[in-house]
Protein backbone atom coordinates (compact mmCIF):
# COMPACT_ATOMS: atom_id res chain seq x y z
CA LEU A 1 1.83 10.79 50.16
CA SER A 2 0.75 14.42 49.56
CA GLN A 3 2.19 16.01 46.79
CA SER A 4 2.39 19.66 46.59
CA PRO A 5 0.24 21.29 43.73
CA ARG A 6 1.98 22.45 40.64
CA ARG A 7 0.84 24.76 37.95
CA CYS A 8 0.42 22.57 34.93
CA SER A 9 -0.72 23.78 31.48
CA THR A 10 -3.78 22.23 29.92
CA PRO A 11 -5.90 23.05 27.04
CA ALA A 12 -8.24 24.97 29.30
CA GLY A 13 -5.34 26.95 30.75
CA GLN A 14 -3.13 26.84 33.82
CA ILE A 15 -4.26 24.88 36.77
CA ASP A 16 -3.16 23.51 40.11
CA ILE A 17 -3.05 19.91 40.14
CA PRO A 18 -0.74 17.19 41.92
CA THR A 19 2.66 16.68 40.16
CA ALA A 20 2.02 13.12 39.31
CA PHE A 21 -0.67 14.26 37.10
CA CYS A 22 1.53 16.61 34.94
CA VAL A 23 2.47 15.86 31.39
CA VAL A 24 6.10 16.81 30.94
CA ARG A 25 6.70 17.13 27.35
CA PRO A 26 10.30 17.07 26.16
CA LYS A 27 12.22 20.29 24.93
CA MET A 28 12.94 20.64 21.10
CA SER A 29 16.40 20.62 21.89
CA SER A 30 16.24 17.06 23.08
CA LEU A 31 14.91 15.59 19.92
CA LYS A 32 17.37 13.94 17.78
CA PRO A 33 18.16 15.65 14.32
CA ALA A 34 17.07 13.98 11.13
CA PRO A 35 19.52 11.09 9.80
CA LYS A 36 21.21 12.57 6.62
CA MET A 37 20.50 10.62 3.42
CA SER A 38 23.02 9.14 1.37
CA PRO A 39 23.37 10.56 -2.20
CA PRO A 40 23.31 7.23 -4.07
CA ILE A 41 20.22 6.32 -2.24
CA GLU A 42 18.64 9.52 -3.03
CA LYS A 43 19.78 8.89 -6.52
CA TRP A 44 18.23 5.71 -6.72
CA VAL A 45 14.80 6.96 -5.24
CA LYS A 46 14.50 9.66 -7.76
CA HIS A 47 15.05 7.20 -10.66
CA ARG A 48 12.25 4.93 -9.37
CA GLU A 49 10.11 7.90 -8.86
CA ASP A 50 10.58 9.01 -12.53
CA PHE A 51 10.64 5.43 -14.22
CA HIS A 52 7.05 6.47 -16.15
CA LEU A 53 9.08 9.32 -17.75
CA ARG A 54 11.56 7.29 -18.98
CA TYR A 55 9.54 3.99 -19.92
CA ARG A 56 9.63 2.86 -23.53
CA PRO A 57 8.04 -0.10 -24.84
CA THR A 58 10.38 -2.58 -26.17
CA GLY A 59 9.48 -6.05 -27.68
CA LYS A 60 10.19 -7.67 -24.57
CA ASN A 61 7.70 -5.52 -22.80
CA VAL A 62 5.02 -5.85 -25.61
CA ARG A 63 5.63 -9.57 -25.43
CA ASP A 64 4.77 -9.53 -21.64
CA VAL A 65 1.67 -7.26 -22.00
CA VAL A 66 0.17 -9.69 -25.04
CA LEU A 67 1.01 -12.76 -23.03
CA TRP A 68 -0.51 -11.95 -19.49
CA GLY A 69 -2.96 -9.29 -20.50
CA VAL A 70 -4.42 -11.02 -23.13
CA ALA A 71 -3.65 -14.54 -24.03
CA PHE A 72 -3.59 -15.92 -20.61
CA PRO A 73 -6.86 -14.38 -19.31
CA VAL A 74 -8.39 -15.50 -22.94
CA PHE A 75 -7.03 -19.24 -22.10
CA VAL A 76 -8.41 -18.91 -18.51
CA TYR A 77 -11.88 -18.07 -19.87
CA TYR A 78 -12.05 -20.91 -22.46
CA LEU A 79 -10.72 -23.45 -19.95
CA THR A 80 -13.54 -22.22 -17.61
CA VAL A 81 -16.12 -22.30 -20.30
CA TYR A 82 -14.82 -25.78 -21.28
CA GLN A 83 -15.09 -27.35 -17.61
CA GLN A 84 -18.64 -25.87 -17.30
CA LYS A 85 -19.93 -27.15 -20.56
CA GLU A 86 -18.10 -30.72 -19.14
CA VAL A 87 -20.26 -30.53 -15.85
CA ASP A 88 -23.55 -29.59 -17.85
CA ARG A 89 -23.06 -32.64 -20.05
CA LEU A 90 -22.40 -35.07 -17.28
CA ASN A 91 -25.20 -33.82 -15.08
CA GLY A 92 -27.71 -34.15 -18.36
CA ARG A 93 -28.29 -30.17 -18.61
CA PRO A 94 -28.44 -28.27 -21.91
CA ASN A 95 -25.44 -26.47 -23.11
CA THR A 96 -25.40 -22.94 -21.67
CA LYS A 97 -24.17 -20.30 -24.19
CA TYR A 98 -21.51 -18.03 -22.82
CA MET A 99 -20.66 -14.70 -24.54
CA GLY A 100 -22.58 -15.44 -27.74
């Protein structure tokens, strides 16, 4: 199978190589245009992007922050300390001081 050489563009310039090794690049006109966006979707996306500008603390937001950002971590800390002290007591070790 002999193939006639063809001029192909490479980063090094134009060279003669068999046509089987030439890379065919699509023409720009054969590319599909970008899809059109829906105005309601665009409005929703903009609303989500700018949420930090419209955020206002309410009673529910403050309650959630206090519950999950303060009370829950403190509860987990004291539960962990209690369990560790129980293990120390059962194994005959002296009490370990935690944070004070």
